[in-house]
Protein backbone atom coordinates (compact mmCIF):
# COMPACT_ATOMS: atom_id res chain seq x y z
CA MET A 1 38.96 -12.61 3.03
CA SER A 2 36.69 -14.86 5.09
CA ARG A 3 33.17 -15.93 4.19
CA LYS A 4 32.14 -14.63 7.62
CA LEU A 5 32.01 -11.09 6.25
CA GLY A 6 28.57 -9.50 6.53
CA LEU A 7 26.20 -9.66 3.58
CA SER A 8 26.30 -5.91 3.05
CA ILE A 9 30.11 -6.04 2.75
CA LEU A 10 29.92 -8.92 0.25
CA ALA A 11 27.43 -6.98 -1.81
CA LEU A 12 29.63 -3.89 -1.70
CA LEU A 13 32.67 -5.87 -2.82
CA ALA A 14 30.75 -7.36 -5.73
CA LEU A 15 29.37 -4.00 -6.82
CA THR A 16 32.75 -2.26 -6.64
CA GLY A 17 34.54 -4.94 -8.58
CA CYS A 18 36.39 -6.56 -5.69
CA GLY A 19 34.60 -9.76 -6.39
CA SER A 20 36.93 -12.57 -5.39
CA ASN A 21 34.79 -13.49 -2.38
CA TYR A 22 31.61 -13.15 -4.35
CA ASP A 23 33.05 -15.27 -7.14
CA LEU A 24 33.74 -17.95 -4.56
CA GLU A 25 30.13 -17.81 -3.33
CA VAL A 26 28.87 -18.19 -6.90
CA LYS A 27 31.18 -21.15 -7.46
CA GLN A 28 30.08 -22.84 -4.23
CA CYS A 29 26.40 -22.14 -4.95
CA ASN A 30 26.82 -23.77 -8.38
CA GLU A 31 28.29 -26.75 -6.54
CA GLY A 32 25.18 -27.00 -4.35
CA SER A 33 26.15 -25.08 -1.20
CA ARG A 34 22.98 -23.73 0.41
CA LYS A 35 24.97 -21.30 2.55
CA ALA A 36 26.59 -19.77 -0.51
CA CYS A 37 23.24 -19.57 -2.32
CA GLU A 38 21.76 -17.87 0.75
CA VAL A 39 24.49 -15.21 0.60
CA ILE A 40 23.85 -14.58 -3.09
CA ALA A 41 20.09 -14.39 -2.61
CA SER A 42 20.55 -11.93 0.24
CA THR A 43 22.74 -9.61 -1.85
CA LYS A 44 20.12 -9.64 -4.66
CA ILE A 45 22.73 -9.17 -7.38
CA ALA A 46 24.10 -11.25 -10.28
CA THR A 47 21.90 -14.28 -9.55
CA GLU A 48 22.09 -15.14 -13.26
CA ARG A 49 25.67 -16.31 -12.69
CA VAL A 50 24.31 -19.37 -10.92
CA THR A 51 23.96 -21.84 -13.80
CA THR A 52 23.76 -25.38 -12.38
CA ALA A 53 20.41 -27.03 -11.71
CA SER A 54 21.25 -27.70 -8.06
CA GLY A 55 22.47 -24.14 -7.53
CA LYS A 56 19.43 -22.59 -9.22
CA LYS A 57 17.10 -24.77 -7.14
CA LEU A 58 18.73 -23.77 -3.85
CA LEU A 59 18.96 -20.13 -4.89
CA GLN A 60 15.28 -20.00 -5.81
CA GLU A 61 14.35 -21.57 -2.48
CA GLU A 62 16.39 -18.93 -0.65
CA ILE A 63 14.82 -16.10 -2.65
CA ILE A 64 11.34 -17.41 -1.81
CA ALA A 65 12.30 -17.70 1.88
CA ILE A 66 13.67 -14.13 1.92
CA LYS A 67 10.50 -12.78 0.29
CA ALA A 68 8.37 -14.68 2.82
CA LYS A 69 10.37 -13.18 5.71
CA GLU A 70 10.03 -9.69 4.23
CA GLU A 71 6.27 -10.13 3.79
CA LYS A 72 5.93 -11.44 7.35
CA LEU A 73 7.92 -8.50 8.71
CA ALA A 74 5.82 -6.04 6.71
CA LYS A 75 2.62 -7.59 8.09
CA GLU A 76 3.97 -7.47 11.65
CA LYS A 77 4.91 -3.81 11.21
CA ALA A 78 1.47 -3.00 9.77
CA LYS A 79 -0.22 -4.82 12.65
CA ALA A 80 1.92 -2.97 15.21
CA ALA A 81 1.04 0.33 13.53
CA ARG A 82 -2.69 -0.50 13.65
CA ILE A 83 -2.46 -1.43 17.33
CA ALA A 84 -0.56 1.77 18.11
CA ALA A 85 -3.13 3.84 16.24
CA GLU A 86 -5.95 2.08 18.07
CA LYS A 87 -4.34 2.59 21.48
CA ALA A 88 -3.94 6.27 20.70
CA THR A 89 -7.75 6.51 20.88
CA TRP A 90 -7.87 4.90 24.34
CA GLY A 91 -8.43 6.84 27.52
CA ASP A 92 -5.77 7.01 30.21
CA TRP A 93 -7.52 4.90 32.85
CA ILE A 94 -5.82 4.71 36.24
CA TYR A 95 -6.52 1.53 38.23
CA SER A 96 -6.22 1.39 42.01
CA ILE A 97 -6.58 -1.15 44.81
CA GLU A 98 -7.30 0.14 48.30
CA ASP A 99 -7.75 -1.47 51.70
CA ASP A 100 -11.08 -0.95 53.43
CA GLU A 101 -10.18 -1.12 57.10
CA ALA A 102 -13.81 -1.42 58.23
CA SER A 103 -14.39 -4.70 56.35
CA GLY A 104 -10.81 -5.87 56.11
CA LYS A 105 -11.27 -6.35 52.38
CA LYS A 106 -9.92 -4.62 49.32
CA GLY A 107 -11.73 -2.27 46.96
CA LYS A 108 -10.87 -1.62 43.32
CA SER A 109 -11.43 1.39 41.12
CA ALA A 110 -10.72 2.82 37.67
CA THR A 111 -10.51 6.60 37.28
CA LEU A 112 -10.45 8.71 34.13
CA SER A 113 -9.97 12.46 33.66
CA SER A 114 -12.13 14.39 31.23
CA GLU A 115 -10.75 15.44 27.86
CA ASN A 116 -12.09 18.97 28.31
CA THR A 117 -11.93 21.41 31.20
CA LEU A 118 -14.43 23.58 33.05
CA ASP A 119 -13.82 27.14 34.20
CA PHE A 120 -16.26 28.50 36.78
CA SER A 121 -16.63 31.97 38.21
CA PHE A 122 -15.44 33.04 41.68
CA PRO A 123 -14.92 31.38 44.13
CA TYR A 124 -14.38 28.26 41.98
CA GLY A 125 -12.42 29.96 39.19
CA GLY A 126 -9.59 28.34 37.26
CA GLU A 127 -9.62 25.51 34.74
CA GLN A 128 -10.32 22.06 36.09
CA HIS A 129 -10.91 18.57 34.77
CA GLY A 130 -13.81 16.37 35.71
CA SER A 131 -13.35 12.73 36.69
CA LEU A 132 -15.23 9.51 36.07
CA MET A 133 -14.73 6.62 38.47
CA ILE A 134 -15.92 3.03 38.23
CA ARG A 135 -15.59 1.46 41.66
CA GLN A 136 -16.18 -1.89 43.33
CA HIS A 137 -16.27 -1.35 47.09
CA PRO A 138 -16.48 -4.20 49.65
CA ARG A 139 -19.17 -2.37 51.66
CA TYR A 140 -20.85 0.03 49.22
CA GLY A 141 -20.93 -2.22 46.18
CA PHE A 142 -20.57 -1.18 42.54
CA ASP A 143 -20.58 2.55 41.74
CA ALA A 144 -20.20 4.96 38.84
CA ILE A 145 -19.12 8.34 40.20
CA VAL A 146 -18.68 11.69 38.46
CA SER A 147 -16.70 14.39 40.22
CA ILE A 148 -15.06 17.79 39.81
CA GLU A 149 -12.18 19.41 41.65
CA LYS A 150 -14.11 22.43 42.92
CA GLY A 151 -17.65 23.71 42.61
CA GLN A 152 -21.12 22.38 43.33
CA ILE A 153 -22.89 19.71 41.31
CA LEU A 154 -26.66 20.03 41.73
CA CYS A 155 -28.23 16.64 42.21
CA SER A 156 -31.05 15.84 44.59
CA THR A 157 -34.23 13.79 44.63
CA TYR A 158 -36.33 16.97 44.58
CA SER A 159 -34.63 19.41 42.20
CA ASN A 160 -32.11 17.80 39.80
CA PRO A 161 -32.55 14.03 40.05
CA TYR A 162 -30.94 13.22 36.68
CA ILE A 163 -27.75 13.73 34.75
CA LEU A 164 -27.62 13.45 30.96
CA VAL A 165 -25.38 10.87 29.30
CA ARG A 166 -24.57 10.22 25.66
CA PHE A 167 -22.47 7.33 24.36
CA ASP A 168 -20.60 8.11 21.13
CA GLY A 169 -23.10 9.42 18.58
CA GLY A 170 -26.14 7.92 20.31
CA GLY A 171 -29.11 9.69 21.78
CA VAL A 172 -29.22 11.43 25.14
CA GLN A 173 -30.12 9.24 28.11
CA ARG A 174 -31.15 10.26 31.60
CA PHE A 175 -29.38 8.56 34.50
CA GLU A 176 -30.73 9.11 37.97
CA CYS A 177 -28.09 10.61 40.22
CA GLN A 178 -27.64 10.63 43.96
CA GLU A 179 -25.72 13.06 46.11
CA ALA A 180 -22.97 11.88 48.44
CA ALA A 181 -23.87 10.81 51.96
CA ASP A 182 -21.42 13.36 53.38
CA ARG A 183 -23.09 16.15 51.32
CA ASP A 184 -19.90 16.80 49.37
CA SER A 185 -21.23 18.47 46.22
CA THR A 186 -18.09 17.89 44.17
CA TYR A 187 -19.23 14.39 43.22
CA VAL A 188 -22.41 12.43 42.48
CA PHE A 189 -23.33 8.77 42.09
CA MET A 190 -25.32 7.17 39.29
CA THR A 191 -27.98 4.90 40.72
CA ASN A 192 -27.85 2.58 37.69
CA ALA A 193 -24.08 2.11 37.74
CA GLU A 194 -24.26 -1.35 36.12
CA GLY A 195 -26.32 -0.04 33.21
CA PHE A 196 -23.94 2.85 32.67
CA GLU A 197 -20.83 0.66 32.80
CA SER A 198 -22.37 -1.90 30.42
CA GLN A 199 -22.93 0.74 27.73
CA MET A 200 -19.63 2.48 28.45
CA ARG A 201 -17.69 -0.72 27.70
CA ARG A 202 -18.96 -0.61 24.11
CA ALA A 203 -18.26 3.09 23.59
CA LYS A 204 -15.28 5.23 22.60
CA MET A 205 -16.52 8.53 24.03
CA VAL A 206 -18.99 9.36 26.78
CA TYR A 207 -20.52 12.82 27.24
CA ILE A 208 -21.89 13.57 30.72
CA THR A 209 -23.91 16.74 31.25
CA LEU A 210 -24.23 18.01 34.82
CA THR A 211 -25.94 21.03 36.35
CA PHE A 212 -23.70 23.25 38.45
CA TYR A 213 -24.59 25.88 40.99
CA GLN A 214 -24.60 29.32 39.28
CA GLU A 215 -22.96 27.78 36.17
CA GLY A 216 -25.89 25.97 34.53
CA SER A 217 -25.52 22.77 32.51
CA GLN A 218 -22.08 21.86 31.22
CA THR A 219 -20.76 18.72 29.56
CA LEU A 220 -17.71 16.66 30.45
CA LYS A 221 -16.17 14.53 27.71
CA PHE A 222 -14.48 11.22 28.52
CA LYS A 223 -12.40 9.03 26.21
CA VAL A 224 -13.54 5.74 27.76
CA LYS A 225 -12.21 3.24 25.21
CA GLY A 226 -9.64 0.87 26.68
CA PHE A 227 -11.46 0.34 29.99
CA ASP A 228 -10.49 -3.04 31.49
CA PRO A 229 -13.41 -4.38 33.60
CA SER A 230 -11.26 -7.22 34.95
CA LYS A 231 -9.30 -4.67 37.01
CA VAL A 232 -12.35 -3.39 38.90
């Protein structure tokens, strides 16, 4: 049989007593053949049959190289597992680029759905997610926007000028909010968008408490880790 047989086959032949090929590898390794010593080291059996100084030296070098490769592979697998576990804690940010026809320039945004849902009474019944958007607009500038699918967020200069925000396990902060220019009550703007985004970039979770018409205060939870500011 040819020496081109796979290592697993050579090992099987040696273990089952069909050792003519393996005997040849041992002989060649004893004569100083690195390739033969590599085969023997890879099978991890009967290395004591290599008796010459040159064969032992080459065999030991191959065993060390194999162990180094195995250790490197184990480290790479462990690193990949850590990265996968870390990414599992990231939020599912969706990045968009849109044309602003008025200015002829492009705007960028990153949008994230809440981890939890809200369920209001009639006429806004049915579970819904909230959304958090970080936006850079060519005309309106930099914004942090919180929105819902249906319902009314109460935010005005006179009655509910603040929303409550908590980053991870930190304390509650008040962020001044501003209603939309078109009076659409399904979303509000934070006036200190830069301050919010700066703290958000260092957080894993953000809790935003809003006041809703006939529903009181309720909190939306956002898994913000993984936000890429270079895309906004």
